[in-house]
Each structure stands twice: as C-alpha cells, then as structure tokens.
Amino acid sequence: MREIRAKIEAAIKREVRQRCGFGCVVCGKPFYEYDHINEYSKVKEHEADNLTLLCPDHHAEKTRGLRSADQVRDANAAPFNRRMGSSSPYRLAYGGTVSKVSIGSNSFVQTMGSISEPLVLNGEPLVRVRTESGNLLVSARLFDASGAVILTIDDNELKYDTGIWDVEFVSDRLIVREAHRKILAKIVFSPPDSITVERAHFSHEGLSVQVTAREILYRTKRGKLSISGNSVLDIPYPRGVVLTDENHELGSLPAAINVPVRVG
C-alpha cells in the first residue's frame, strides 16, 4: 500500500529554498525537488533541517543509491548557489530591475517584485512569475496534446508524470519529450532577466492553446487563430494574454490582451 504523506508546509519550503540558494545543492539547477536527507519513511515528518533541494538527476542518483545521504548532507551544508553566488548556467538569481517573459513571440516586461501572469485560460493563470529574495520563481502547468497534465512547476519545484519519456536540462533549456526527437515543451532561460516559452500546450476547462516559437494558437468556430508579436510593459497589466470561452466570465484583473473565444 502506497504511503500517504502530509504536504510540506509553504513556510518550510520557503525556508529550505532560501537556505539552499534556490537551486539544487549539488549543481545549482533552478528547478528542483524537495528531498528528505534522512528518508521520510524513517522520520515520518517534514522538518526544514532534514529537507534539501535536488534537481531531478541528483534526486534520482540518491534514490538509486548512487549518491549517499552523507554526500547530500555535505552538499546541503555548502549549497552550490551559495558558494558560487548564483547558479550557473541556469542563473535564476536574476539581477536588475525587470523580468521579461516571452510566450510565442509575445513579451511581457514587469518590474521585479511584482507578480506577473502572462497566460490565463478561463480564469486560471497557467504561467505565473514572482520574485522572492531577488530570485525569480516560475509556476506553470504543461500539458500534452490531449489536455492531460504532464509537468507542473510550482515556485520552481518540478513535479511530472513518471510516464514522460524524458525531462532534461540542455544548456539553458528545460526540455520535455514524449519520444525521441518529439518535443512537448521547451522553456529557455536567458540571464539576466528573461524566460521564453518556445513550445508548450496549455489547457483549462475546455479551452486549449498551443505555443510555438512564433505564436500562441487556439481554435474557434472560425478555425485556428493566433496571437503573436505583442510587447507589453509593466504594472497596469498584471495579466498578459487572457483567453475566455463563452462558458466562463471575464476576470476582474486588468489584462493586456483579452480574447473572448467561441469554441462551441
């Protein structure tokens, strides 16, 4: 019978993120999983001092016995990003005063410290960016073409379907594949201030879009339409592209691009 665990409290996660320098303690990658240094099956609780951040590769090494708890404990005592000053080459401890998110050639520039929701479907933010202690934290839900969730990023914490063929970092890119040479999603990180969604599927309550490097594509009764080439600056628009079908109400937050979609 599978063990049911209580969720790790948000305050504990925040403490662990800040202590670990917002990245894997071994290599500094900014997308990570929370690891119990002494296994949860033994301690039966979530304590900040026993939690650390590991990227999927180093977490898998520990799970398979290729990296010992003592080795992880040593890395946790001197996290990579704390030693180096920032993660490299995945440097999400961004400097400067602004952050820029691009989705399908649509760019949204926000003052650091504000919350940005560049893509919203039927009232649900599917891409969200905020800062904490000067670090950029990304939240997103990625889908396959059928509308099933394949990967979730929650304040840079990766959670994904174990049936995915491959999830990896290549240079400055997070790439999700469903088969050899078949990419489902690609997110590119460009220090010191930019994130670009080059390829992805997003879906919520009957409304779906596909992102390519050039555009955001969606279907209506008139066929396939696209949104591309927009550039939006700052605070008046906490939301970027908002698509809403006839079964949902338009949200109250200001949006740069508000698109009513008739899918029925």
C-alpha atoms as a PDB file:
ATOM      1  CA  MET A   1       0.000   0.000   0.000  1.00  0.00           C
ATOM      2  CA  ARG A   2       1.399   3.379  -1.017  1.00  0.00           C
ATOM      3  CA  GLU A   3       2.375   5.683   1.835  1.00  0.00           C
ATOM      4  CA  ILE A   4       0.241   8.843   2.137  1.00  0.00           C
ATOM      5  CA  ARG A   5       2.315  11.851   3.161  1.00  0.00           C
ATOM      6  CA  ALA A   6       1.183  15.169   4.569  1.00  0.00           C
ATOM      7  CA  LYS A   7       2.110  18.149   2.395  1.00  0.00           C
ATOM      8  CA  ILE A   8       5.196  20.143   3.234  1.00  0.00           C
ATOM      9  CA  GLU A   9       4.070  23.473   4.667  1.00  0.00           C
ATOM     10  CA  ALA A  10       4.690  26.548   2.497  1.00  0.00           C
ATOM     11  CA  ALA A  11       6.713  28.241   5.260  1.00  0.00           C
ATOM     12  CA  ILE A  12       9.031  25.231   5.495  1.00  0.00           C
ATOM     13  CA  LYS A  13       9.500  25.146   1.713  1.00  0.00           C
ATOM     14  CA  ARG A  14      10.351  28.844   1.744  1.00  0.00           C
ATOM     15  CA  GLU A  15      12.948  28.323   4.476  1.00  0.00           C
ATOM     16  CA  VAL A  16      14.533  25.436   2.537  1.00  0.00           C
ATOM     17  CA  ARG A  17      14.580  27.371  -0.762  1.00  0.00           C
ATOM     18  CA  GLN A  18      16.292  30.340   0.815  1.00  0.00           C
ATOM     19  CA  ARG A  19      18.823  28.237   2.718  1.00  0.00           C
ATOM     20  CA  CYS A  20      19.713  26.234  -0.406  1.00  0.00           C
ATOM     21  CA  GLY A  21      20.096  29.279  -2.648  1.00  0.00           C
ATOM     22  CA  PHE A  22      17.049  28.490  -4.807  1.00  0.00           C
ATOM     23  CA  GLY A  23      18.634  25.560  -6.604  1.00  0.00           C
ATOM     24  CA  CYS A  24      19.988  22.021  -6.377  1.00  0.00           C
ATOM     25  CA  VAL A  25      22.573  21.963  -3.588  1.00  0.00           C
ATOM     26  CA  VAL A  26      24.848  19.776  -5.741  1.00  0.00           C
ATOM     27  CA  CYS A  27      24.793  21.572  -9.120  1.00  0.00           C
ATOM     28  CA  GLY A  28      22.712  24.729  -8.698  1.00  0.00           C
ATOM     29  CA  LYS A  29      19.985  23.982 -11.260  1.00  0.00           C
ATOM     30  CA  PRO A  30      16.986  26.210 -10.535  1.00  0.00           C
ATOM     31  CA  PHE A  31      14.328  23.530 -10.963  1.00  0.00           C
ATOM     32  CA  TYR A  32      14.316  21.004  -8.179  1.00  0.00           C
ATOM     33  CA  GLU A  33      12.537  18.510  -5.961  1.00  0.00           C
ATOM     34  CA  TYR A  34      12.363  18.543  -2.153  1.00  0.00           C
ATOM     35  CA  ASP A  35      14.403  15.673  -0.716  1.00  0.00           C
ATOM     36  CA  HIS A  36      14.404  14.239   2.798  1.00  0.00           C
ATOM     37  CA  ILE A  37      18.087  13.689   3.630  1.00  0.00           C
ATOM     38  CA  ASN A  38      17.082  11.042   6.156  1.00  0.00           C
ATOM     39  CA  GLU A  39      14.289   9.190   4.380  1.00  0.00           C
ATOM     40  CA  TYR A  40      10.707  10.199   5.169  1.00  0.00           C
ATOM     41  CA  SER A  41       9.836   6.533   5.708  1.00  0.00           C
ATOM     42  CA  LYS A  42      12.117   6.657   8.762  1.00  0.00           C
ATOM     43  CA  VAL A  43      11.481  10.138  10.186  1.00  0.00           C
ATOM     44  CA  LYS A  44       7.735  10.399   9.307  1.00  0.00           C
ATOM     45  CA  GLU A  45       7.775  14.204   9.345  1.00  0.00           C
ATOM     46  CA  HIS A  46       8.799  17.268   7.356  1.00  0.00           C
ATOM     47  CA  GLU A  47      11.488  19.243   9.174  1.00  0.00           C
ATOM     48  CA  ALA A  48      13.324  22.062   7.436  1.00  0.00           C
ATOM     49  CA  ASP A  49      16.711  20.870   8.725  1.00  0.00           C
ATOM     50  CA  ASN A  50      16.149  17.463   7.114  1.00  0.00           C
ATOM     51  CA  LEU A  51      14.971  18.845   3.769  1.00  0.00           C
ATOM     52  CA  THR A  52      17.112  19.973   0.872  1.00  0.00           C
ATOM     53  CA  LEU A  53      16.778  20.758  -2.846  1.00  0.00           C
ATOM     54  CA  LEU A  54      17.971  18.329  -5.525  1.00  0.00           C
ATOM     55  CA  CYS A  55      17.491  18.542  -9.285  1.00  0.00           C
ATOM     56  CA  PRO A  56      15.755  15.511 -10.851  1.00  0.00           C
ATOM     57  CA  ASP A  57      19.100  13.963 -11.873  1.00  0.00           C
ATOM     58  CA  HIS A  58      20.719  14.171  -8.443  1.00  0.00           C
ATOM     59  CA  HIS A  59      17.483  13.175  -6.713  1.00  0.00           C
ATOM     60  CA  ALA A  60      17.369  10.054  -8.897  1.00  0.00           C
ATOM     61  CA  GLU A  61      21.006   9.290  -8.021  1.00  0.00           C
ATOM     62  CA  LYS A  62      20.193   9.404  -4.309  1.00  0.00           C
ATOM     63  CA  THR A  63      17.059   7.290  -4.762  1.00  0.00           C
ATOM     64  CA  ARG A  64      19.052   4.637  -6.665  1.00  0.00           C
ATOM     65  CA  GLY A  65      21.839   4.574  -4.089  1.00  0.00           C
ATOM     66  CA  LEU A  66      24.371   6.209  -6.406  1.00  0.00           C
ATOM     67  CA  ARG A  67      24.679   9.210  -4.083  1.00  0.00           C
ATOM     68  CA  SER A  68      24.692   8.664  -0.322  1.00  0.00           C
ATOM     69  CA  ALA A  69      22.770  10.600   2.299  1.00  0.00           C
ATOM     70  CA  ASP A  70      26.128  11.752   3.707  1.00  0.00           C
ATOM     71  CA  GLN A  71      27.120  13.180   0.322  1.00  0.00           C
ATOM     72  CA  VAL A  72      23.799  15.021   0.087  1.00  0.00           C
ATOM     73  CA  ARG A  73      24.233  16.229   3.674  1.00  0.00           C
ATOM     74  CA  ASP A  74      27.670  17.645   2.801  1.00  0.00           C
ATOM     75  CA  ALA A  75      26.252  19.439  -0.257  1.00  0.00           C
ATOM     76  CA  ASN A  76      23.365  20.741   1.828  1.00  0.00           C
ATOM     77  CA  ALA A  77      25.866  22.265   4.283  1.00  0.00           C
ATOM     78  CA  ALA A  78      27.503  24.241   1.434  1.00  0.00           C
ATOM     79  CA  PRO A  79      24.914  24.645  -1.373  1.00  0.00           C
ATOM     80  CA  PHE A  80      26.293  25.236  -4.865  1.00  0.00           C
ATOM     81  CA  ASN A  81      24.481  28.538  -5.404  1.00  0.00           C
ATOM     82  CA  ARG A  82      25.560  29.878  -2.021  1.00  0.00           C
ATOM     83  CA  ARG A  83      29.185  29.064  -2.809  1.00  0.00           C
ATOM     84  CA  MET A  84      29.081  30.442  -6.354  1.00  0.00           C
ATOM     85  CA  GLY A  85      26.872  33.464  -5.712  1.00  0.00           C
ATOM     86  CA  SER A  86      24.402  32.325  -8.394  1.00  0.00           C
ATOM     87  CA  SER A  87      23.510  29.168 -10.278  1.00  0.00           C
ATOM     88  CA  SER A  88      25.360  28.518 -13.497  1.00  0.00           C
ATOM     89  CA  PRO A  89      24.458  28.218 -16.303  1.00  0.00           C
ATOM     90  CA  TYR A  90      20.840  28.208 -15.070  1.00  0.00           C
ATOM     91  CA  ARG A  91      21.055  31.579 -13.387  1.00  0.00           C
ATOM     92  CA  LEU A  92      17.640  32.433 -11.971  1.00  0.00           C
ATOM     93  CA  ALA A  93      19.012  34.605  -9.178  1.00  0.00           C
ATOM     94  CA  TYR A  94      18.331  37.420 -11.604  1.00  0.00           C
ATOM     95  CA  GLY A  95      19.711  40.903 -11.136  1.00  0.00           C
ATOM     96  CA  GLY A  96      18.408  44.178 -12.458  1.00  0.00           C
ATOM     97  CA  THR A  97      15.019  45.765 -12.003  1.00  0.00           C
ATOM     98  CA  VAL A  98      12.799  43.944 -14.509  1.00  0.00           C
ATOM     99  CA  SER A  99      11.888  40.450 -15.634  1.00  0.00           C
ATOM    100  CA  LYS A 100      10.678  39.508 -19.116  1.00  0.00           C
ATOM    101  CA  VAL A 101       8.553  36.501 -20.038  1.00  0.00           C
ATOM    102  CA  SER A 102       8.017  35.682 -23.718  1.00  0.00           C
ATOM    103  CA  ILE A 103       5.362  33.223 -24.880  1.00  0.00           C
ATOM    104  CA  GLY A 104       5.020  32.569 -28.591  1.00  0.00           C
ATOM    105  CA  SER A 105       6.741  35.888 -29.541  1.00  0.00           C
ATOM    106  CA  ASN A 106       4.536  37.844 -27.101  1.00  0.00           C
ATOM    107  CA  SER A 107       6.685  39.525 -24.420  1.00  0.00           C
ATOM    108  CA  PHE A 108       5.631  40.820 -21.008  1.00  0.00           C
ATOM    109  CA  VAL A 109       8.013  43.011 -19.017  1.00  0.00           C
ATOM    110  CA  GLN A 110       7.386  43.529 -15.301  1.00  0.00           C
ATOM    111  CA  THR A 111       9.190  45.360 -12.524  1.00  0.00           C
ATOM    112  CA  MET A 112      10.968  42.867 -10.288  1.00  0.00           C
ATOM    113  CA  GLY A 113       8.925  42.280  -7.149  1.00  0.00           C
ATOM    114  CA  SER A 114       5.548  42.383  -8.861  1.00  0.00           C
ATOM    115  CA  ILE A 115       3.537  39.290  -9.820  1.00  0.00           C
ATOM    116  CA  SER A 116       3.023  38.587 -13.500  1.00  0.00           C
ATOM    117  CA  GLU A 117       0.505  36.173 -15.040  1.00  0.00           C
ATOM    118  CA  PRO A 118       1.469  36.141 -18.734  1.00  0.00           C
ATOM    119  CA  LEU A 119      -1.035  33.439 -19.793  1.00  0.00           C
ATOM    120  CA  VAL A 120      -4.519  32.877 -18.365  1.00  0.00           C
ATOM    121  CA  LEU A 121      -7.139  30.426 -19.705  1.00  0.00           C
ATOM    122  CA  ASN A 122     -10.730  30.578 -18.450  1.00  0.00           C
ATOM    123  CA  GLY A 123      -9.647  32.484 -15.360  1.00  0.00           C
ATOM    124  CA  GLU A 124      -6.765  30.159 -14.449  1.00  0.00           C
ATOM    125  CA  PRO A 125      -3.163  31.502 -14.594  1.00  0.00           C
ATOM    126  CA  LEU A 126      -1.166  28.749 -16.328  1.00  0.00           C
ATOM    127  CA  VAL A 127       2.087  30.705 -16.318  1.00  0.00           C
ATOM    128  CA  ARG A 128       2.928  32.846 -13.286  1.00  0.00           C
ATOM    129  CA  VAL A 129       6.132  34.618 -12.264  1.00  0.00           C
ATOM    130  CA  ARG A 130       7.042  36.241  -8.962  1.00  0.00           C
ATOM    131  CA  THR A 131      10.189  37.143  -7.053  1.00  0.00           C
ATOM    132  CA  GLU A 132      11.382  36.101  -3.610  1.00  0.00           C
ATOM    133  CA  SER A 133      14.585  37.453  -2.074  1.00  0.00           C
ATOM    134  CA  GLY A 134      15.598  38.711  -5.515  1.00  0.00           C
ATOM    135  CA  ASN A 135      15.121  35.303  -7.144  1.00  0.00           C
ATOM    136  CA  LEU A 136      12.729  34.617  -9.986  1.00  0.00           C
ATOM    137  CA  LEU A 137      10.163  31.899  -9.170  1.00  0.00           C
ATOM    138  CA  VAL A 138       8.180  30.361 -12.018  1.00  0.00           C
ATOM    139  CA  SER A 139       4.910  28.442 -11.761  1.00  0.00           C
ATOM    140  CA  ALA A 140       3.327  26.712 -14.742  1.00  0.00           C
ATOM    141  CA  ARG A 141       1.334  23.677 -15.806  1.00  0.00           C
ATOM    142  CA  LEU A 142       2.259  21.968 -19.069  1.00  0.00           C
ATOM    143  CA  PHE A 143       0.004  19.551 -20.954  1.00  0.00           C
ATOM    144  CA  ASP A 144       0.184  17.030 -23.764  1.00  0.00           C
ATOM    145  CA  ALA A 145      -1.874  17.454 -26.937  1.00  0.00           C
ATOM    146  CA  SER A 146      -4.806  15.565 -25.363  1.00  0.00           C
ATOM    147  CA  GLY A 147      -5.061  18.026 -22.459  1.00  0.00           C
ATOM    148  CA  ALA A 148      -3.521  15.802 -19.767  1.00  0.00           C
ATOM    149  CA  VAL A 149      -1.134  17.473 -17.302  1.00  0.00           C
ATOM    150  CA  ILE A 150       2.407  16.205 -17.869  1.00  0.00           C
ATOM    151  CA  LEU A 151       4.507  18.592 -15.805  1.00  0.00           C
ATOM    152  CA  THR A 152       3.913  21.150 -13.069  1.00  0.00           C
ATOM    153  CA  ILE A 153       6.315  23.843 -11.935  1.00  0.00           C
ATOM    154  CA  ASP A 154       5.339  25.329  -8.562  1.00  0.00           C
ATOM    155  CA  ASP A 155       7.704  28.123  -7.462  1.00  0.00           C
ATOM    156  CA  ASN A 156      10.462  26.296  -9.410  1.00  0.00           C
ATOM    157  CA  GLU A 157       9.601  22.896  -7.859  1.00  0.00           C
ATOM    158  CA  LEU A 158       9.282  20.276 -10.596  1.00  0.00           C
ATOM    159  CA  LYS A 159       6.572  17.623 -10.492  1.00  0.00           C
ATOM    160  CA  TYR A 160       5.979  15.444 -13.510  1.00  0.00           C
ATOM    161  CA  ASP A 161       4.247  12.337 -14.765  1.00  0.00           C
ATOM    162  CA  THR A 162       6.659   9.409 -14.480  1.00  0.00           C
ATOM    163  CA  GLY A 163       5.318   8.196 -17.828  1.00  0.00           C
ATOM    164  CA  ILE A 164       7.031  11.092 -19.618  1.00  0.00           C
ATOM    165  CA  TRP A 165       9.758   9.811 -21.901  1.00  0.00           C
ATOM    166  CA  ASP A 166      12.317  12.421 -20.888  1.00  0.00           C
ATOM    167  CA  VAL A 167      12.709  15.635 -18.859  1.00  0.00           C
ATOM    168  CA  GLU A 168      16.125  17.284 -19.050  1.00  0.00           C
ATOM    169  CA  PHE A 169      18.162  20.456 -18.972  1.00  0.00           C
ATOM    170  CA  VAL A 170      20.277  21.098 -22.080  1.00  0.00           C
ATOM    171  CA  SER A 171      22.461  24.191 -21.794  1.00  0.00           C
ATOM    172  CA  ASP A 172      19.944  26.928 -20.882  1.00  0.00           C
ATOM    173  CA  ARG A 173      16.801  24.910 -21.779  1.00  0.00           C
ATOM    174  CA  LEU A 174      14.254  22.789 -19.925  1.00  0.00           C
ATOM    175  CA  ILE A 175      13.001  20.246 -22.479  1.00  0.00           C
ATOM    176  CA  VAL A 176      10.173  17.728 -22.124  1.00  0.00           C
ATOM    177  CA  ARG A 177       9.961  14.948 -24.727  1.00  0.00           C
ATOM    178  CA  GLU A 178       7.278  12.336 -25.308  1.00  0.00           C
ATOM    179  CA  ALA A 179       9.549  10.305 -27.611  1.00  0.00           C
ATOM    180  CA  HIS A 180      12.901  10.565 -29.377  1.00  0.00           C
ATOM    181  CA  ARG A 181      13.014  13.844 -31.334  1.00  0.00           C
ATOM    182  CA  LYS A 182       9.416  14.645 -30.300  1.00  0.00           C
ATOM    183  CA  ILE A 183       9.435  17.675 -28.007  1.00  0.00           C
ATOM    184  CA  LEU A 184       6.333  18.509 -25.979  1.00  0.00           C
ATOM    185  CA  ALA A 185       7.676  21.601 -24.251  1.00  0.00           C
ATOM    186  CA  LYS A 186      10.747  23.839 -24.259  1.00  0.00           C
ATOM    187  CA  ILE A 187      11.487  26.707 -21.880  1.00  0.00           C
ATOM    188  CA  VAL A 188      14.629  28.813 -22.376  1.00  0.00           C
ATOM    189  CA  PHE A 189      16.343  30.805 -19.602  1.00  0.00           C
ATOM    190  CA  SER A 190      18.328  33.878 -20.675  1.00  0.00           C
ATOM    191  CA  PRO A 191      20.208  35.684 -17.905  1.00  0.00           C
ATOM    192  CA  PRO A 192      19.994  38.205 -16.504  1.00  0.00           C
ATOM    193  CA  ASP A 193      16.273  38.822 -16.899  1.00  0.00           C
ATOM    194  CA  SER A 194      14.367  36.687 -19.445  1.00  0.00           C
ATOM    195  CA  ILE A 195      12.389  33.453 -19.757  1.00  0.00           C
ATOM    196  CA  THR A 196      10.987  32.264 -23.091  1.00  0.00           C
ATOM    197  CA  VAL A 197       8.345  29.576 -23.607  1.00  0.00           C
ATOM    198  CA  GLU A 198       9.256  28.289 -27.076  1.00  0.00           C
ATOM    199  CA  ARG A 199       6.964  25.286 -27.192  1.00  0.00           C
ATOM    200  CA  ALA A 200       4.132  24.066 -24.969  1.00  0.00           C
ATOM    201  CA  HIS A 201       0.481  23.036 -24.670  1.00  0.00           C
ATOM    202  CA  PHE A 202      -1.804  24.695 -22.125  1.00  0.00           C
ATOM    203  CA  SER A 203      -5.383  23.755 -21.274  1.00  0.00           C
ATOM    204  CA  HIS A 204      -8.085  24.609 -18.740  1.00  0.00           C
ATOM    205  CA  GLU A 205     -11.780  23.665 -18.594  1.00  0.00           C
ATOM    206  CA  GLY A 206     -12.288  23.056 -22.292  1.00  0.00           C
ATOM    207  CA  LEU A 207     -10.007  25.774 -23.676  1.00  0.00           C
ATOM    208  CA  SER A 208      -6.601  24.817 -25.087  1.00  0.00           C
ATOM    209  CA  VAL A 209      -3.736  26.664 -26.746  1.00  0.00           C
ATOM    210  CA  GLN A 210      -0.532  25.567 -28.422  1.00  0.00           C
ATOM    211  CA  VAL A 211       2.622  27.677 -28.144  1.00  0.00           C
ATOM    212  CA  THR A 212       5.275  27.734 -30.855  1.00  0.00           C
ATOM    213  CA  ALA A 213       8.313  29.983 -31.125  1.00  0.00           C
ATOM    214  CA  ARG A 214       6.261  32.354 -33.306  1.00  0.00           C
ATOM    215  CA  GLU A 215       2.727  32.401 -31.841  1.00  0.00           C
ATOM    216  CA  ILE A 216       0.025  31.271 -29.439  1.00  0.00           C
ATOM    217  CA  LEU A 217      -2.507  29.182 -31.397  1.00  0.00           C
ATOM    218  CA  TYR A 218      -6.127  28.494 -30.410  1.00  0.00           C
ATOM    219  CA  ARG A 219      -9.210  27.117 -32.158  1.00  0.00           C
ATOM    220  CA  THR A 220     -12.579  28.807 -32.557  1.00  0.00           C
ATOM    221  CA  LYS A 221     -15.699  28.145 -34.630  1.00  0.00           C
ATOM    222  CA  ARG A 222     -13.944  30.040 -37.434  1.00  0.00           C
ATOM    223  CA  GLY A 223     -10.886  27.804 -37.315  1.00  0.00           C
ATOM    224  CA  LYS A 224      -7.384  28.232 -35.919  1.00  0.00           C
ATOM    225  CA  LEU A 225      -6.348  31.751 -34.860  1.00  0.00           C
ATOM    226  CA  SER A 226      -3.138  33.100 -33.385  1.00  0.00           C
ATOM    227  CA  ILE A 227      -1.682  35.785 -31.131  1.00  0.00           C
ATOM    228  CA  SER A 228       1.852  36.978 -31.883  1.00  0.00           C
ATOM    229  CA  GLY A 229       4.278  39.875 -31.799  1.00  0.00           C
ATOM    230  CA  ASN A 230       2.845  41.780 -28.828  1.00  0.00           C
ATOM    231  CA  SER A 231       5.041  43.615 -26.334  1.00  0.00           C
ATOM    232  CA  VAL A 232       3.539  44.726 -23.021  1.00  0.00           C
ATOM    233  CA  LEU A 233       5.232  46.889 -20.409  1.00  0.00           C
ATOM    234  CA  ASP A 234       4.603  46.742 -16.697  1.00  0.00           C
ATOM    235  CA  ILE A 235       2.150  47.238 -13.898  1.00  0.00           C
ATOM    236  CA  PRO A 236      -1.164  48.351 -15.468  1.00  0.00           C
ATOM    237  CA  TYR A 237      -1.448  44.810 -16.805  1.00  0.00           C
ATOM    238  CA  PRO A 238      -0.671  42.125 -14.198  1.00  0.00           C
ATOM    239  CA  ARG A 239      -2.124  39.671 -16.724  1.00  0.00           C
ATOM    240  CA  GLY A 240      -0.850  39.275 -20.262  1.00  0.00           C
ATOM    241  CA  VAL A 241      -2.852  37.121 -22.689  1.00  0.00           C
ATOM    242  CA  VAL A 242      -6.253  36.149 -21.277  1.00  0.00           C
ATOM    243  CA  LEU A 243      -8.488  33.802 -23.281  1.00  0.00           C
ATOM    244  CA  THR A 244     -12.021  33.125 -22.082  1.00  0.00           C
ATOM    245  CA  ASP A 245     -14.689  30.960 -23.715  1.00  0.00           C
ATOM    246  CA  GLU A 246     -18.440  31.545 -23.694  1.00  0.00           C
ATOM    247  CA  ASN A 247     -18.919  29.337 -20.613  1.00  0.00           C
ATOM    248  CA  HIS A 248     -16.754  31.500 -18.322  1.00  0.00           C
ATOM    249  CA  GLU A 249     -16.814  35.078 -17.017  1.00  0.00           C
ATOM    250  CA  LEU A 250     -14.091  37.573 -17.871  1.00  0.00           C
ATOM    251  CA  GLY A 251     -11.778  38.140 -14.902  1.00  0.00           C
ATOM    252  CA  SER A 252     -11.597  41.413 -12.969  1.00  0.00           C
ATOM    253  CA  LEU A 253      -7.797  41.864 -13.140  1.00  0.00           C
ATOM    254  CA  PRO A 254      -6.562  44.147 -15.955  1.00  0.00           C
ATOM    255  CA  ALA A 255      -5.189  42.241 -18.930  1.00  0.00           C
ATOM    256  CA  ALA A 256      -3.114  43.448 -21.863  1.00  0.00           C
ATOM    257  CA  ILE A 257      -4.800  41.150 -24.386  1.00  0.00           C
ATOM    258  CA  ASN A 258      -8.339  39.974 -23.597  1.00  0.00           C
ATOM    259  CA  VAL A 259      -9.664  37.435 -26.102  1.00  0.00           C
ATOM    260  CA  PRO A 260     -13.238  36.067 -25.972  1.00  0.00           C
ATOM    261  CA  VAL A 261     -13.208  32.659 -27.680  1.00  0.00           C
ATOM    262  CA  ARG A 262     -16.271  30.952 -29.138  1.00  0.00           C
ATOM    263  CA  VAL A 263     -15.359  27.280 -29.248  1.00  0.00           C
ATOM    264  CA  GLY A 264     -18.870  25.798 -29.337  1.00  0.00           C
END
